[in-house]
Amino acid sequence: MIRTSELDPLLAATAQPKLDAWRKKATQAYIDAWKEPSTHLLDVQFTAKAPRPPSTGAAVDSGAILKALNSKDKDGIKEKFRNFNASFDDLVAKHKAYKMEAEVRRALGRD
């Protein structure tokens, strides 16, 4: 936005590098907040002791995998999703409360 305005010649040499650094830092801080919910789902979970299915694109029988799990494993998976959902809902509520320009919102969505 500044680059297409009359401010560009005045800010290009001194302020623009600082603005770019601040923008990058703020974007990274915003994105880092969204990493926390994913940690609940990215934990390694061994669901079956059977060998891996071939990578031919054949469908995996999820029912057979679920039947092979004991109740403790099932409860652990449910807890992970419960934690993910709570964390995700909290971040969505915070995100909706932020006041930002549409251009900034789109840029964060792309990042």
C-alpha atoms as a PDB file:
ATOM      1  CA  MET A   1       0.000   0.000   0.000  1.00  0.00           C
ATOM      2  CA  ILE A   2       2.803   2.443   0.888  1.00  0.00           C
ATOM      3  CA  ARG A   3       4.765   1.465  -2.198  1.00  0.00           C
ATOM      4  CA  THR A   4       2.020   2.797  -4.463  1.00  0.00           C
ATOM      5  CA  SER A   5       1.510   6.061  -2.557  1.00  0.00           C
ATOM      6  CA  GLU A   6       3.333   9.381  -2.373  1.00  0.00           C
ATOM      7  CA  LEU A   7       5.033   8.212   0.820  1.00  0.00           C
ATOM      8  CA  ASP A   8       7.226   5.711  -1.011  1.00  0.00           C
ATOM      9  CA  PRO A   9      10.043   8.123  -1.970  1.00  0.00           C
ATOM     10  CA  LEU A  10      10.148   9.479   1.574  1.00  0.00           C
ATOM     11  CA  LEU A  11      10.155   6.116   3.338  1.00  0.00           C
ATOM     12  CA  ALA A  12      11.984   3.880   0.885  1.00  0.00           C
ATOM     13  CA  ALA A  13      15.488   4.425   2.201  1.00  0.00           C
ATOM     14  CA  THR A  14      14.997   4.497   5.956  1.00  0.00           C
ATOM     15  CA  ALA A  15      11.630   3.316   7.167  1.00  0.00           C
ATOM     16  CA  GLN A  16      10.728   0.611   4.662  1.00  0.00           C
ATOM     17  CA  PRO A  17      13.294  -1.954   5.887  1.00  0.00           C
ATOM     18  CA  LYS A  18      12.053  -1.439   9.451  1.00  0.00           C
ATOM     19  CA  LEU A  19       8.421  -1.774   8.390  1.00  0.00           C
ATOM     20  CA  ASP A  20       9.202  -4.957   6.467  1.00  0.00           C
ATOM     21  CA  ALA A  21      11.017  -6.448   9.469  1.00  0.00           C
ATOM     22  CA  TRP A  22       8.132  -5.570  11.807  1.00  0.00           C
ATOM     23  CA  ARG A  23       5.601  -7.014   9.359  1.00  0.00           C
ATOM     24  CA  LYS A  24       7.580 -10.241   9.085  1.00  0.00           C
ATOM     25  CA  LYS A  25       7.911 -10.505  12.878  1.00  0.00           C
ATOM     26  CA  ALA A  26       4.194  -9.848  13.445  1.00  0.00           C
ATOM     27  CA  THR A  27       3.205 -12.363  10.768  1.00  0.00           C
ATOM     28  CA  GLN A  28       5.439 -15.014  12.310  1.00  0.00           C
ATOM     29  CA  ALA A  29       3.991 -14.372  15.783  1.00  0.00           C
ATOM     30  CA  TYR A  30       0.458 -14.736  14.395  1.00  0.00           C
ATOM     31  CA  ILE A  31       1.320 -17.973  12.573  1.00  0.00           C
ATOM     32  CA  ASP A  32       3.126 -19.405  15.619  1.00  0.00           C
ATOM     33  CA  ALA A  33      -0.103 -19.153  17.612  1.00  0.00           C
ATOM     34  CA  TRP A  34      -1.761 -21.535  15.130  1.00  0.00           C
ATOM     35  CA  LYS A  35       0.945 -24.167  15.550  1.00  0.00           C
ATOM     36  CA  GLU A  36      -0.212 -25.043  19.071  1.00  0.00           C
ATOM     37  CA  PRO A  37      -3.470 -26.791  18.043  1.00  0.00           C
ATOM     38  CA  SER A  38      -1.651 -28.925  15.505  1.00  0.00           C
ATOM     39  CA  THR A  39       0.638 -30.348  18.182  1.00  0.00           C
ATOM     40  CA  HIS A  40      -2.354 -32.231  19.583  1.00  0.00           C
ATOM     41  CA  LEU A  41      -2.837 -34.102  16.316  1.00  0.00           C
ATOM     42  CA  LEU A  42       0.755 -34.504  15.157  1.00  0.00           C
ATOM     43  CA  ASP A  43       1.727 -36.768  18.021  1.00  0.00           C
ATOM     44  CA  VAL A  44       2.782 -40.218  16.851  1.00  0.00           C
ATOM     45  CA  GLN A  45       0.062 -42.770  17.452  1.00  0.00           C
ATOM     46  CA  PHE A  46       0.680 -46.402  16.636  1.00  0.00           C
ATOM     47  CA  THR A  47      -2.696 -47.732  15.595  1.00  0.00           C
ATOM     48  CA  ALA A  48      -1.870 -51.249  14.495  1.00  0.00           C
ATOM     49  CA  LYS A  49       0.948 -53.725  14.748  1.00  0.00           C
ATOM     50  CA  ALA A  50       0.265 -54.994  11.237  1.00  0.00           C
ATOM     51  CA  PRO A  51       2.653 -54.080   8.442  1.00  0.00           C
ATOM     52  CA  ARG A  52       2.028 -50.890   6.543  1.00  0.00           C
ATOM     53  CA  PRO A  53      -0.377 -51.165   3.629  1.00  0.00           C
ATOM     54  CA  PRO A  54       1.165 -50.901   0.185  1.00  0.00           C
ATOM     55  CA  SER A  55       1.357 -47.415  -1.273  1.00  0.00           C
ATOM     56  CA  THR A  56      -0.699 -48.363  -4.308  1.00  0.00           C
ATOM     57  CA  GLY A  57      -3.545 -46.070  -3.356  1.00  0.00           C
ATOM     58  CA  ALA A  58      -5.718 -48.885  -2.076  1.00  0.00           C
ATOM     59  CA  ALA A  59      -8.278 -47.921   0.560  1.00  0.00           C
ATOM     60  CA  VAL A  60      -7.393 -48.489   4.201  1.00  0.00           C
ATOM     61  CA  ASP A  61      -9.987 -50.252   6.326  1.00  0.00           C
ATOM     62  CA  SER A  62     -10.311 -47.795   9.215  1.00  0.00           C
ATOM     63  CA  GLY A  63     -12.847 -50.059  10.902  1.00  0.00           C
ATOM     64  CA  ALA A  64     -10.246 -52.792  11.242  1.00  0.00           C
ATOM     65  CA  ILE A  65      -7.774 -50.319  12.718  1.00  0.00           C
ATOM     66  CA  LEU A  66     -10.327 -49.117  15.266  1.00  0.00           C
ATOM     67  CA  LYS A  67     -11.194 -52.662  16.274  1.00  0.00           C
ATOM     68  CA  ALA A  68      -7.513 -53.372  16.895  1.00  0.00           C
ATOM     69  CA  LEU A  69      -7.248 -50.493  19.408  1.00  0.00           C
ATOM     70  CA  ASN A  70      -7.884 -51.086  23.069  1.00  0.00           C
ATOM     71  CA  SER A  71     -10.075 -48.700  25.062  1.00  0.00           C
ATOM     72  CA  LYS A  72      -7.074 -46.858  26.516  1.00  0.00           C
ATOM     73  CA  ASP A  73      -5.794 -46.034  23.017  1.00  0.00           C
ATOM     74  CA  LYS A  74      -9.258 -44.939  21.891  1.00  0.00           C
ATOM     75  CA  ASP A  75      -9.601 -42.680  24.933  1.00  0.00           C
ATOM     76  CA  GLY A  76      -6.179 -41.201  24.191  1.00  0.00           C
ATOM     77  CA  ILE A  77      -7.204 -40.371  20.632  1.00  0.00           C
ATOM     78  CA  LYS A  78     -10.479 -38.846  21.842  1.00  0.00           C
ATOM     79  CA  GLU A  79      -8.552 -36.708  24.333  1.00  0.00           C
ATOM     80  CA  LYS A  80      -6.203 -35.472  21.596  1.00  0.00           C
ATOM     81  CA  PHE A  81      -9.155 -34.389  19.462  1.00  0.00           C
ATOM     82  CA  ARG A  82     -10.877 -32.808  22.469  1.00  0.00           C
ATOM     83  CA  ASN A  83      -7.731 -30.767  23.199  1.00  0.00           C
ATOM     84  CA  PHE A  84      -7.362 -29.844  19.529  1.00  0.00           C
ATOM     85  CA  ASN A  85     -10.978 -28.691  19.284  1.00  0.00           C
ATOM     86  CA  ALA A  86     -10.727 -26.586  22.451  1.00  0.00           C
ATOM     87  CA  SER A  87      -7.487 -24.968  21.316  1.00  0.00           C
ATOM     88  CA  PHE A  88      -8.784 -24.405  17.790  1.00  0.00           C
ATOM     89  CA  ASP A  89     -12.055 -22.857  19.006  1.00  0.00           C
ATOM     90  CA  ASP A  90     -10.109 -20.527  21.302  1.00  0.00           C
ATOM     91  CA  LEU A  91      -7.878 -19.348  18.453  1.00  0.00           C
ATOM     92  CA  VAL A  92     -10.819 -18.855  16.094  1.00  0.00           C
ATOM     93  CA  ALA A  93     -12.552 -16.693  18.715  1.00  0.00           C
ATOM     94  CA  LYS A  94      -9.380 -14.622  19.159  1.00  0.00           C
ATOM     95  CA  HIS A  95      -8.945 -14.321  15.389  1.00  0.00           C
ATOM     96  CA  LYS A  96     -12.505 -13.067  14.931  1.00  0.00           C
ATOM     97  CA  ALA A  97     -11.948 -10.472  17.666  1.00  0.00           C
ATOM     98  CA  TYR A  98      -8.923  -8.960  15.892  1.00  0.00           C
ATOM     99  CA  LYS A  99      -9.568  -5.718  14.068  1.00  0.00           C
ATOM    100  CA  MET A 100      -7.566  -5.765  10.864  1.00  0.00           C
ATOM    101  CA  GLU A 101      -7.910  -4.517   7.327  1.00  0.00           C
ATOM    102  CA  ALA A 102      -9.179  -6.930   4.697  1.00  0.00           C
ATOM    103  CA  GLU A 103      -5.816  -6.754   2.910  1.00  0.00           C
ATOM    104  CA  VAL A 104      -3.980  -7.797   6.080  1.00  0.00           C
ATOM    105  CA  ARG A 105      -6.469 -10.608   6.744  1.00  0.00           C
ATOM    106  CA  ARG A 106      -5.972 -11.960   3.201  1.00  0.00           C
ATOM    107  CA  ALA A 107      -2.176 -11.744   3.529  1.00  0.00           C
ATOM    108  CA  LEU A 108      -2.260 -13.700   6.794  1.00  0.00           C
ATOM    109  CA  GLY A 109      -4.543 -16.268   5.179  1.00  0.00           C
ATOM    110  CA  ARG A 110      -2.013 -16.785   2.389  1.00  0.00           C
ATOM    111  CA  ASP A 111       0.881 -17.129   4.841  1.00  0.00           C
END
